Amino acid sequence: MVEQLQVALSELEIIKQDFEKKSLELRKKIKQLEEEKMHLRLDADVQRSEAEKWRKGKTKAEEDLDSLKTDYKKLRLSMRTAGLGKTSEQWRHKIQEEKTNADQWERNFREPQARNEDLEKSLSKSKNERGELRARVAKLEKSLHQYRNHNTAMELRASLSKIEEMKGKIEEL
């Protein structure tokens, strides 16, 4: 009987050790699961935060887009009002016309200037005649200067570059 008790105690001791071993394993597993649960909560919080940031970014982008659309409409209206709604081809044609006009003015100026130079050489004998020719040359130079000051081709070129710049911005919008 003592022997049976010792065997029972041994078996009980083995079962107790097995129980403690399994209990320790389960505690480790519970601790690991709790850590995973904490990490998952942190991941969920990060993802919620990211989602909120994306929602805010989307809202801001939509507001910016609406603002750009409004600005674009205002710009188109301003361009139509100012008469700037021409196509690039129409502006090129207009500039070419103005260049042609400017070239014609230049030729018209050069002819009298060349004639004046010839006259100045042939009439160099008389001081009065030279003074008159110089006055005439000065007058022509003054007209050229006035012409250059009022040259619309230059203004159109500047306007075209501004318009093309505005069109580029509009196209970007």
N, C-alpha and C. Protein backbone atom coordinates (compact mmCIF):
# COMPACT_ATOMS: atom_id res chain seq x y z
N MET A 1 0.78 -1.16 0.00
CA MET A 1 0.00 0.00 0.00
C MET A 1 0.86 1.28 0.00
N VAL A 2 1.89 1.29 0.77
CA VAL A 2 2.81 2.41 0.78
C VAL A 2 3.38 2.55 -0.63
N GLU A 3 3.60 1.39 -1.20
CA GLU A 3 4.14 1.42 -2.54
C GLU A 3 3.13 2.02 -3.51
N GLN A 4 1.90 1.69 -3.34
CA GLN A 4 0.85 2.23 -4.20
C GLN A 4 0.71 3.73 -3.98
N LEU A 5 0.83 4.14 -2.74
CA LEU A 5 0.76 5.57 -2.44
C LEU A 5 1.93 6.32 -3.09
N GLN A 6 3.11 5.71 -3.03
CA GLN A 6 4.26 6.35 -3.65
C GLN A 6 4.08 6.43 -5.17
N VAL A 7 3.53 5.36 -5.76
CA VAL A 7 3.29 5.37 -7.19
C VAL A 7 2.24 6.43 -7.51
N ALA A 8 1.18 6.50 -6.70
CA ALA A 8 0.13 7.50 -6.92
C ALA A 8 0.70 8.90 -6.76
N LEU A 9 1.57 9.06 -5.73
CA LEU A 9 2.19 10.37 -5.52
C LEU A 9 3.09 10.72 -6.71
N SER A 10 3.81 9.74 -7.21
CA SER A 10 4.68 9.97 -8.35
C SER A 10 3.85 10.38 -9.56
N GLU A 11 2.74 9.64 -9.73
CA GLU A 11 1.88 9.98 -10.86
C GLU A 11 1.27 11.36 -10.66
N LEU A 12 0.86 11.62 -9.44
CA LEU A 12 0.32 12.93 -9.11
C LEU A 12 1.36 14.02 -9.31
N GLU A 13 2.60 13.75 -8.94
CA GLU A 13 3.69 14.69 -9.12
C GLU A 13 3.93 14.93 -10.61
N ILE A 14 3.89 13.87 -11.41
CA ILE A 14 4.09 13.99 -12.86
C ILE A 14 2.97 14.82 -13.46
N ILE A 15 1.71 14.54 -13.05
CA ILE A 15 0.55 15.29 -13.56
C ILE A 15 0.67 16.75 -13.14
N LYS A 16 1.10 16.98 -11.88
CA LYS A 16 1.27 18.36 -11.39
C LYS A 16 2.32 19.09 -12.22
N GLN A 17 3.45 18.42 -12.50
CA GLN A 17 4.51 19.03 -13.30
C GLN A 17 4.01 19.34 -14.72
N ASP A 18 3.25 18.36 -15.27
CA ASP A 18 2.69 18.58 -16.62
C ASP A 18 1.74 19.78 -16.59
N PHE A 19 0.91 19.84 -15.54
CA PHE A 19 -0.03 20.96 -15.41
C PHE A 19 0.71 22.29 -15.33
N GLU A 20 1.75 22.34 -14.48
CA GLU A 20 2.52 23.57 -14.33
C GLU A 20 3.22 23.96 -15.64
N LYS A 21 3.73 22.94 -16.34
CA LYS A 21 4.39 23.19 -17.61
C LYS A 21 3.40 23.77 -18.62
N LYS A 22 2.23 23.13 -18.72
CA LYS A 22 1.20 23.63 -19.65
C LYS A 22 0.70 25.00 -19.22
N SER A 23 0.57 25.19 -17.92
CA SER A 23 0.12 26.48 -17.40
C SER A 23 1.13 27.58 -17.76
N LEU A 24 2.42 27.28 -17.63
CA LEU A 24 3.47 28.23 -17.98
C LEU A 24 3.42 28.55 -19.48
N GLU A 25 3.25 27.52 -20.30
CA GLU A 25 3.16 27.72 -21.75
C GLU A 25 1.95 28.59 -22.10
N LEU A 26 0.83 28.31 -21.44
CA LEU A 26 -0.39 29.10 -21.71
C LEU A 26 -0.21 30.55 -21.26
N ARG A 27 0.48 30.77 -20.11
CA ARG A 27 0.73 32.14 -19.66
C ARG A 27 1.58 32.89 -20.69
N LYS A 28 2.62 32.20 -21.22
CA LYS A 28 3.46 32.81 -22.24
C LYS A 28 2.64 33.15 -23.48
N LYS A 29 1.79 32.19 -23.86
CA LYS A 29 0.97 32.40 -25.05
C LYS A 29 -0.01 33.56 -24.82
N ILE A 30 -0.60 33.64 -23.63
CA ILE A 30 -1.51 34.75 -23.30
C ILE A 30 -0.76 36.07 -23.34
N LYS A 31 0.45 36.09 -22.78
CA LYS A 31 1.25 37.31 -22.79
C LYS A 31 1.57 37.72 -24.23
N GLN A 32 1.93 36.73 -25.06
CA GLN A 32 2.23 37.00 -26.47
C GLN A 32 0.99 37.53 -27.18
N LEU A 33 -0.17 36.91 -26.92
CA LEU A 33 -1.42 37.36 -27.54
C LEU A 33 -1.78 38.77 -27.10
N GLU A 34 -1.53 39.08 -25.82
CA GLU A 34 -1.80 40.44 -25.33
C GLU A 34 -0.89 41.46 -26.02
N GLU A 35 0.39 41.08 -26.23
CA GLU A 35 1.30 41.97 -26.94
C GLU A 35 0.85 42.17 -28.39
N GLU A 36 0.43 41.07 -29.03
CA GLU A 36 -0.07 41.18 -30.41
C GLU A 36 -1.32 42.05 -30.45
N LYS A 37 -2.19 41.87 -29.44
CA LYS A 37 -3.40 42.69 -29.36
C LYS A 37 -3.04 44.17 -29.25
N MET A 38 -2.03 44.47 -28.42
CA MET A 38 -1.59 45.86 -28.26
C MET A 38 -1.03 46.40 -29.58
N HIS A 39 -0.22 45.59 -30.26
CA HIS A 39 0.34 46.02 -31.55
C HIS A 39 -0.76 46.23 -32.58
N LEU A 40 -1.74 45.33 -32.57
CA LEU A 40 -2.86 45.48 -33.52
C LEU A 40 -3.65 46.75 -33.23
N ARG A 41 -3.83 47.07 -31.94
CA ARG A 41 -4.52 48.32 -31.59
C ARG A 41 -3.73 49.52 -32.08
N LEU A 42 -2.40 49.46 -31.89
CA LEU A 42 -1.55 50.55 -32.35
C LEU A 42 -1.63 50.67 -33.87
N ASP A 43 -1.59 49.54 -34.56
CA ASP A 43 -1.70 49.56 -36.02
C ASP A 43 -3.04 50.14 -36.45
N ALA A 44 -4.11 49.75 -35.75
CA ALA A 44 -5.44 50.26 -36.08
C ALA A 44 -5.48 51.77 -35.85
N ASP A 45 -4.88 52.23 -34.75
CA ASP A 45 -4.85 53.67 -34.48
C ASP A 45 -4.08 54.41 -35.57
N VAL A 46 -2.94 53.84 -35.98
CA VAL A 46 -2.14 54.46 -37.04
C VAL A 46 -2.94 54.51 -38.33
N GLN A 47 -3.60 53.42 -38.66
CA GLN A 47 -4.39 53.38 -39.89
C GLN A 47 -5.57 54.37 -39.82
N ARG A 48 -6.21 54.48 -38.66
CA ARG A 48 -7.29 55.47 -38.51
C ARG A 48 -6.73 56.88 -38.70
N SER A 49 -5.57 57.11 -38.10
CA SER A 49 -4.93 58.42 -38.23
C SER A 49 -4.58 58.71 -39.70
N GLU A 50 -4.02 57.72 -40.39
CA GLU A 50 -3.69 57.88 -41.81
C GLU A 50 -4.95 58.13 -42.62
N ALA A 51 -6.01 57.37 -42.34
CA ALA A 51 -7.26 57.55 -43.08
C ALA A 51 -7.81 58.95 -42.86
N GLU A 52 -7.73 59.45 -41.65
CA GLU A 52 -8.22 60.80 -41.36
C GLU A 52 -7.37 61.84 -42.09
N LYS A 53 -6.05 61.61 -42.10
CA LYS A 53 -5.16 62.53 -42.80
C LYS A 53 -5.49 62.54 -44.31
N TRP A 54 -5.75 61.35 -44.88
CA TRP A 54 -6.11 61.26 -46.30
C TRP A 54 -7.44 61.95 -46.57
N ARG A 55 -8.40 61.78 -45.66
CA ARG A 55 -9.70 62.45 -45.83
C ARG A 55 -9.52 63.96 -45.81
N LYS A 56 -8.72 64.45 -44.87
CA LYS A 56 -8.47 65.89 -44.81
C LYS A 56 -7.76 66.37 -46.07
N GLY A 57 -6.77 65.61 -46.53
CA GLY A 57 -6.06 65.96 -47.76
C GLY A 57 -6.99 65.97 -48.96
N LYS A 58 -7.87 65.00 -49.02
CA LYS A 58 -8.83 64.93 -50.12
C LYS A 58 -9.75 66.14 -50.09
N THR A 59 -10.24 66.47 -48.90
CA THR A 59 -11.12 67.63 -48.76
C THR A 59 -10.39 68.90 -49.19
N LYS A 60 -9.14 69.06 -48.75
CA LYS A 60 -8.36 70.24 -49.13
C LYS A 60 -8.15 70.27 -50.64
N ALA A 61 -7.83 69.12 -51.24
CA ALA A 61 -7.61 69.07 -52.68
C ALA A 61 -8.90 69.43 -53.43
N GLU A 62 -10.04 68.95 -52.93
CA GLU A 62 -11.31 69.28 -53.57
C GLU A 62 -11.60 70.77 -53.46
N GLU A 63 -11.30 71.36 -52.29
CA GLU A 63 -11.48 72.80 -52.12
C GLU A 63 -10.57 73.57 -53.07
N ASP A 64 -9.30 73.14 -53.16
CA ASP A 64 -8.36 73.79 -54.07
C ASP A 64 -8.83 73.68 -55.51
N LEU A 65 -9.34 72.50 -55.88
CA LEU A 65 -9.84 72.30 -57.24
C LEU A 65 -11.02 73.23 -57.52
N ASP A 66 -11.93 73.32 -56.57
CA ASP A 66 -13.07 74.24 -56.74
C ASP A 66 -12.59 75.67 -56.89
N SER A 67 -11.61 76.05 -56.08
CA SER A 67 -11.06 77.41 -56.15
C SER A 67 -10.41 77.65 -57.52
N LEU A 68 -9.66 76.66 -58.00
CA LEU A 68 -9.01 76.80 -59.31
C LEU A 68 -10.05 76.89 -60.42
N LYS A 69 -11.11 76.12 -60.31
CA LYS A 69 -12.17 76.20 -61.32
C LYS A 69 -12.79 77.60 -61.33
N THR A 70 -13.03 78.14 -60.15
CA THR A 70 -13.60 79.48 -60.05
C THR A 70 -12.63 80.51 -60.65
N ASP A 71 -11.35 80.39 -60.29
CA ASP A 71 -10.35 81.31 -60.84
C ASP A 71 -10.26 81.20 -62.36
N TYR A 72 -10.34 79.97 -62.86
CA TYR A 72 -10.27 79.74 -64.30
C TYR A 72 -11.46 80.42 -64.99
N LYS A 73 -12.65 80.27 -64.41
CA LYS A 73 -13.84 80.89 -65.00
C LYS A 73 -13.68 82.41 -65.01
N LYS A 74 -13.18 82.97 -63.90
CA LYS A 74 -12.98 84.41 -63.84
C LYS A 74 -11.95 84.87 -64.88
N LEU A 75 -10.88 84.09 -65.01
CA LEU A 75 -9.85 84.43 -65.98
C LEU A 75 -10.38 84.38 -67.40
N ARG A 76 -11.15 83.36 -67.74
CA ARG A 76 -11.73 83.25 -69.07
C ARG A 76 -12.66 84.44 -69.34
N LEU A 77 -13.46 84.82 -68.35
CA LEU A 77 -14.35 85.95 -68.50
C LEU A 77 -13.54 87.23 -68.70
N SER A 78 -12.47 87.40 -67.92
CA SER A 78 -11.62 88.58 -68.07
C SER A 78 -10.98 88.61 -69.44
N MET A 79 -10.53 87.46 -69.91
CA MET A 79 -9.90 87.39 -71.23
C MET A 79 -10.91 87.76 -72.32
N ARG A 80 -12.13 87.25 -72.20
CA ARG A 80 -13.15 87.59 -73.20
C ARG A 80 -13.46 89.07 -73.15
N THR A 81 -13.56 89.61 -71.94
CA THR A 81 -13.85 91.03 -71.77
C THR A 81 -12.74 91.89 -72.35
N ALA A 82 -11.48 91.46 -72.14
CA ALA A 82 -10.34 92.24 -72.61
C ALA A 82 -10.02 91.96 -74.08
N GLY A 83 -10.72 91.03 -74.68
CA GLY A 83 -10.47 90.71 -76.09
C GLY A 83 -9.25 89.84 -76.28
N LEU A 84 -8.85 89.14 -75.24
CA LEU A 84 -7.66 88.31 -75.32
C LEU A 84 -7.98 86.86 -75.62
N GLY A 85 -9.22 86.58 -75.96
CA GLY A 85 -9.63 85.21 -76.18
C GLY A 85 -9.24 84.66 -77.53
N LYS A 86 -8.26 85.26 -78.18
CA LYS A 86 -7.84 84.78 -79.48
C LYS A 86 -6.97 83.54 -79.33
N THR A 87 -6.94 82.77 -80.40
CA THR A 87 -6.07 81.59 -80.38
C THR A 87 -4.64 82.03 -80.66
N SER A 88 -3.72 81.14 -80.39
CA SER A 88 -2.31 81.43 -80.64
C SER A 88 -2.09 81.73 -82.12
N GLU A 89 -2.77 80.99 -82.96
CA GLU A 89 -2.63 81.20 -84.41
C GLU A 89 -3.11 82.59 -84.81
N GLN A 90 -4.23 83.02 -84.22
CA GLN A 90 -4.73 84.36 -84.52
C GLN A 90 -3.74 85.42 -84.06
N TRP A 91 -3.12 85.23 -82.89
CA TRP A 91 -2.13 86.19 -82.40
C TRP A 91 -0.90 86.18 -83.30
N ARG A 92 -0.47 85.01 -83.74
CA ARG A 92 0.69 84.94 -84.63
C ARG A 92 0.42 85.70 -85.92
N HIS A 93 -0.80 85.53 -86.45
CA HIS A 93 -1.17 86.22 -87.68
C HIS A 93 -1.16 87.73 -87.45
N LYS A 94 -1.72 88.18 -86.33
CA LYS A 94 -1.76 89.61 -86.01
C LYS A 94 -0.34 90.15 -85.85
N ILE A 95 0.52 89.42 -85.19
CA ILE A 95 1.90 89.87 -85.00
C ILE A 95 2.62 89.93 -86.34
N GLN A 96 2.38 88.92 -87.19
CA GLN A 96 3.02 88.93 -88.51
C GLN A 96 2.59 90.16 -89.31
N GLU A 97 1.32 90.51 -89.23
CA GLU A 97 0.84 91.73 -89.91
C GLU A 97 1.57 92.96 -89.38
N GLU A 98 1.70 93.04 -88.07
CA GLU A 98 2.37 94.19 -87.47
C GLU A 98 3.86 94.23 -87.84
N LYS A 99 4.49 93.06 -87.91
CA LYS A 99 5.89 93.02 -88.33
C LYS A 99 6.02 93.52 -89.76
N THR A 100 5.09 93.08 -90.60
CA THR A 100 5.11 93.53 -92.00
C THR A 100 4.97 95.04 -92.07
N ASN A 101 4.04 95.59 -91.30
CA ASN A 101 3.86 97.04 -91.27
C ASN A 101 5.12 97.74 -90.77
N ALA A 102 5.73 97.19 -89.73
CA ALA A 102 6.95 97.80 -89.18
C ALA A 102 8.07 97.76 -90.22
N ASP A 103 8.20 96.62 -90.92
CA ASP A 103 9.22 96.52 -91.96
C ASP A 103 8.98 97.54 -93.07
N GLN A 104 7.72 97.72 -93.44
CA GLN A 104 7.39 98.69 -94.48
C GLN A 104 7.75 100.10 -94.02
N TRP A 105 7.47 100.43 -92.79
CA TRP A 105 7.84 101.74 -92.25
C TRP A 105 9.36 101.91 -92.27
N GLU A 106 10.07 100.86 -91.90
CA GLU A 106 11.53 100.92 -91.93
C GLU A 106 12.02 101.20 -93.35
N ARG A 107 11.47 100.48 -94.33
CA ARG A 107 11.88 100.70 -95.73
C ARG A 107 11.54 102.12 -96.16
N ASN A 108 10.34 102.58 -95.80
CA ASN A 108 9.94 103.94 -96.14
C ASN A 108 10.86 104.97 -95.50
N PHE A 109 11.38 104.67 -94.35
CA PHE A 109 12.29 105.59 -93.70
C PHE A 109 13.68 105.54 -94.34
N ARG A 110 14.12 104.33 -94.68
CA ARG A 110 15.46 104.17 -95.23
C ARG A 110 15.61 104.87 -96.58
N GLU A 111 14.58 104.82 -97.40
CA GLU A 111 14.66 105.47 -98.71
C GLU A 111 14.93 106.97 -98.58
N PRO A 112 14.14 107.71 -97.81
CA PRO A 112 14.46 109.14 -97.66
C PRO A 112 15.81 109.38 -96.97
N GLN A 113 16.15 108.50 -96.07
CA GLN A 113 17.43 108.66 -95.38
C GLN A 113 18.57 108.49 -96.38
N ALA A 114 18.47 107.48 -97.24
CA ALA A 114 19.50 107.26 -98.25
C ALA A 114 19.55 108.46 -99.20
N ARG A 115 18.37 108.95 -99.59
CA ARG A 115 18.34 110.12 -100.48
C ARG A 115 18.97 111.33 -99.78
N ASN A 116 18.68 111.50 -98.52
CA ASN A 116 19.25 112.61 -97.76
C ASN A 116 20.77 112.50 -97.68
N GLU A 117 21.25 111.29 -97.49
CA GLU A 117 22.70 111.11 -97.44
C GLU A 117 23.34 111.48 -98.79
N ASP A 118 22.68 111.04 -99.89
CA ASP A 118 23.19 111.40 -101.22
C ASP A 118 23.18 112.92 -101.42
N LEU A 119 22.07 113.54 -101.03
CA LEU A 119 21.97 114.98 -101.16
C LEU A 119 23.01 115.69 -100.31
N GLU A 120 23.25 115.15 -99.14
CA GLU A 120 24.22 115.77 -98.25
C GLU A 120 25.61 115.74 -98.87
N LYS A 121 25.94 114.66 -99.52
CA LYS A 121 27.25 114.56 -100.18
C LYS A 121 27.36 115.53 -101.37
N SER A 122 26.29 115.56 -102.18
CA SER A 122 26.36 116.41 -103.38
C SER A 122 26.20 117.90 -103.06
N LEU A 123 25.55 118.23 -101.98
CA LEU A 123 25.30 119.64 -101.66
C LEU A 123 26.19 120.14 -100.54
N SER A 124 27.32 119.48 -100.36
CA SER A 124 28.19 119.87 -99.26
C SER A 124 28.85 121.23 -99.48
N LYS A 125 28.67 121.84 -100.63
CA LYS A 125 29.30 123.13 -100.92
C LYS A 125 28.74 124.23 -100.05
N SER A 126 27.48 124.25 -99.89
CA SER A 126 26.86 125.39 -99.22
C SER A 126 26.49 125.04 -97.78
N LYS A 127 26.83 125.94 -96.86
CA LYS A 127 26.49 125.71 -95.46
C LYS A 127 24.99 125.75 -95.25
N ASN A 128 24.31 126.67 -95.91
CA ASN A 128 22.85 126.73 -95.77
C ASN A 128 22.20 125.42 -96.21
N GLU A 129 22.66 124.93 -97.34
CA GLU A 129 22.09 123.70 -97.86
C GLU A 129 22.38 122.53 -96.91
N ARG A 130 23.59 122.53 -96.39
CA ARG A 130 23.93 121.47 -95.43
C ARG A 130 23.06 121.57 -94.18
N GLY A 131 22.85 122.78 -93.68
CA GLY A 131 22.01 122.97 -92.50
C GLY A 131 20.59 122.48 -92.74
N GLU A 132 20.07 122.78 -93.94
CA GLU A 132 18.72 122.31 -94.27
C GLU A 132 18.66 120.79 -94.32
N LEU A 133 19.69 120.19 -94.93
CA LEU A 133 19.71 118.73 -95.02
C LEU A 133 19.82 118.10 -93.63
N ARG A 134 20.65 118.72 -92.83
CA ARG A 134 20.77 118.19 -91.46
C ARG A 134 19.46 118.32 -90.70
N ALA A 135 18.79 119.44 -90.89
CA ALA A 135 17.49 119.62 -90.26
C ALA A 135 16.51 118.56 -90.75
N ARG A 136 16.58 118.30 -92.05
CA ARG A 136 15.69 117.29 -92.63
C ARG A 136 16.01 115.89 -92.08
N VAL A 137 17.31 115.59 -91.98
CA VAL A 137 17.72 114.30 -91.42
C VAL A 137 17.26 114.21 -89.96
N ALA A 138 17.45 115.30 -89.22
CA ALA A 138 17.01 115.32 -87.82
C ALA A 138 15.52 115.08 -87.72
N LYS A 139 14.78 115.72 -88.63
CA LYS A 139 13.33 115.55 -88.65
C LYS A 139 12.95 114.09 -88.93
N LEU A 140 13.64 113.50 -89.90
CA LEU A 140 13.38 112.09 -90.22
C LEU A 140 13.77 111.18 -89.05
N GLU A 141 14.89 111.51 -88.43
CA GLU A 141 15.29 110.71 -87.27
C GLU A 141 14.28 110.86 -86.14
N LYS A 142 13.77 112.09 -86.00
CA LYS A 142 12.73 112.32 -84.99
C LYS A 142 11.49 111.50 -85.32
N SER A 143 11.10 111.47 -86.62
CA SER A 143 9.94 110.65 -87.00
C SER A 143 10.20 109.18 -86.74
N LEU A 144 11.42 108.74 -87.03
CA LEU A 144 11.75 107.35 -86.76
C LEU A 144 11.65 107.07 -85.26
N HIS A 145 12.18 107.99 -84.49
CA HIS A 145 12.12 107.83 -83.04
C HIS A 145 10.67 107.76 -82.56
N GLN A 146 9.84 108.68 -83.10
CA GLN A 146 8.42 108.67 -82.73
C GLN A 146 7.76 107.38 -83.18
N TYR A 147 8.13 106.94 -84.36
CA TYR A 147 7.56 105.69 -84.89
C TYR A 147 7.94 104.53 -83.96
N ARG A 148 9.20 104.50 -83.59
CA ARG A 148 9.63 103.40 -82.72
C ARG A 148 8.96 103.46 -81.37
N ASN A 149 8.72 104.69 -80.86
CA ASN A 149 8.03 104.82 -79.57
C ASN A 149 6.59 104.35 -79.66
N HIS A 150 5.98 104.52 -80.80
CA HIS A 150 4.58 104.14 -80.96
C HIS A 150 4.40 102.82 -81.69
N ASN A 151 5.44 102.08 -81.82
CA ASN A 151 5.41 100.83 -82.59
C ASN A 151 4.53 99.82 -81.87
N THR A 152 3.42 99.52 -82.49
CA THR A 152 2.49 98.58 -81.86
C THR A 152 2.95 97.15 -81.95
N ALA A 153 3.83 96.87 -82.86
CA ALA A 153 4.31 95.50 -82.98
C ALA A 153 5.03 95.09 -81.70
N MET A 154 5.80 95.98 -81.14
CA MET A 154 6.50 95.66 -79.91
C MET A 154 5.52 95.42 -78.78
N GLU A 155 4.50 96.28 -78.72
CA GLU A 155 3.48 96.11 -77.68
C GLU A 155 2.75 94.80 -77.86
N LEU A 156 2.45 94.47 -79.10
CA LEU A 156 1.76 93.21 -79.36
C LEU A 156 2.62 92.01 -79.00
N ARG A 157 3.93 92.11 -79.28
CA ARG A 157 4.82 91.01 -78.91
C ARG A 157 4.82 90.81 -77.40
N ALA A 158 4.90 91.91 -76.67
CA ALA A 158 4.88 91.83 -75.21
C ALA A 158 3.54 91.27 -74.74
N SER A 159 2.46 91.76 -75.35
CA SER A 159 1.14 91.26 -74.98
C SER A 159 1.02 89.79 -75.31
N LEU A 160 1.55 89.37 -76.44
CA LEU A 160 1.48 87.97 -76.84
C LEU A 160 2.22 87.09 -75.84
N SER A 161 3.40 87.53 -75.44
CA SER A 161 4.14 86.69 -74.50
C SER A 161 3.38 86.60 -73.17
N LYS A 162 2.75 87.69 -72.75
CA LYS A 162 1.94 87.65 -71.53
C LYS A 162 0.75 86.74 -71.72
N ILE A 163 0.12 86.85 -72.86
CA ILE A 163 -1.06 86.02 -73.14
C ILE A 163 -0.67 84.55 -73.20
N GLU A 164 0.43 84.25 -73.88
CA GLU A 164 0.84 82.86 -73.96
C GLU A 164 1.23 82.35 -72.58
N GLU A 165 1.81 83.21 -71.78
CA GLU A 165 2.13 82.83 -70.41
C GLU A 165 0.86 82.55 -69.63
N MET A 166 -0.15 83.43 -69.82
CA MET A 166 -1.44 83.22 -69.14
C MET A 166 -2.09 81.95 -69.65
N LYS A 167 -2.03 81.72 -70.98
CA LYS A 167 -2.60 80.51 -71.54
C LYS A 167 -1.91 79.27 -70.99
N GLY A 168 -0.57 79.36 -70.85
CA GLY A 168 0.17 78.24 -70.28
C GLY A 168 -0.31 77.95 -68.86
N LYS A 169 -0.52 79.03 -68.09
CA LYS A 169 -1.01 78.85 -66.71
C LYS A 169 -2.42 78.28 -66.74
N ILE A 170 -3.23 78.77 -67.68
CA ILE A 170 -4.61 78.27 -67.77
C ILE A 170 -4.59 76.79 -68.13
N GLU A 171 -3.74 76.42 -69.08
CA GLU A 171 -3.66 75.03 -69.49
C GLU A 171 -3.16 74.18 -68.34
N GLU A 172 -2.25 74.71 -67.54
CA GLU A 172 -1.80 73.96 -66.38
C GLU A 172 -2.95 73.74 -65.40
N LEU A 173 -3.79 74.81 -65.26
CA LEU A 173 -4.93 74.68 -64.36
C LEU A 173 -5.86 73.63 -64.89
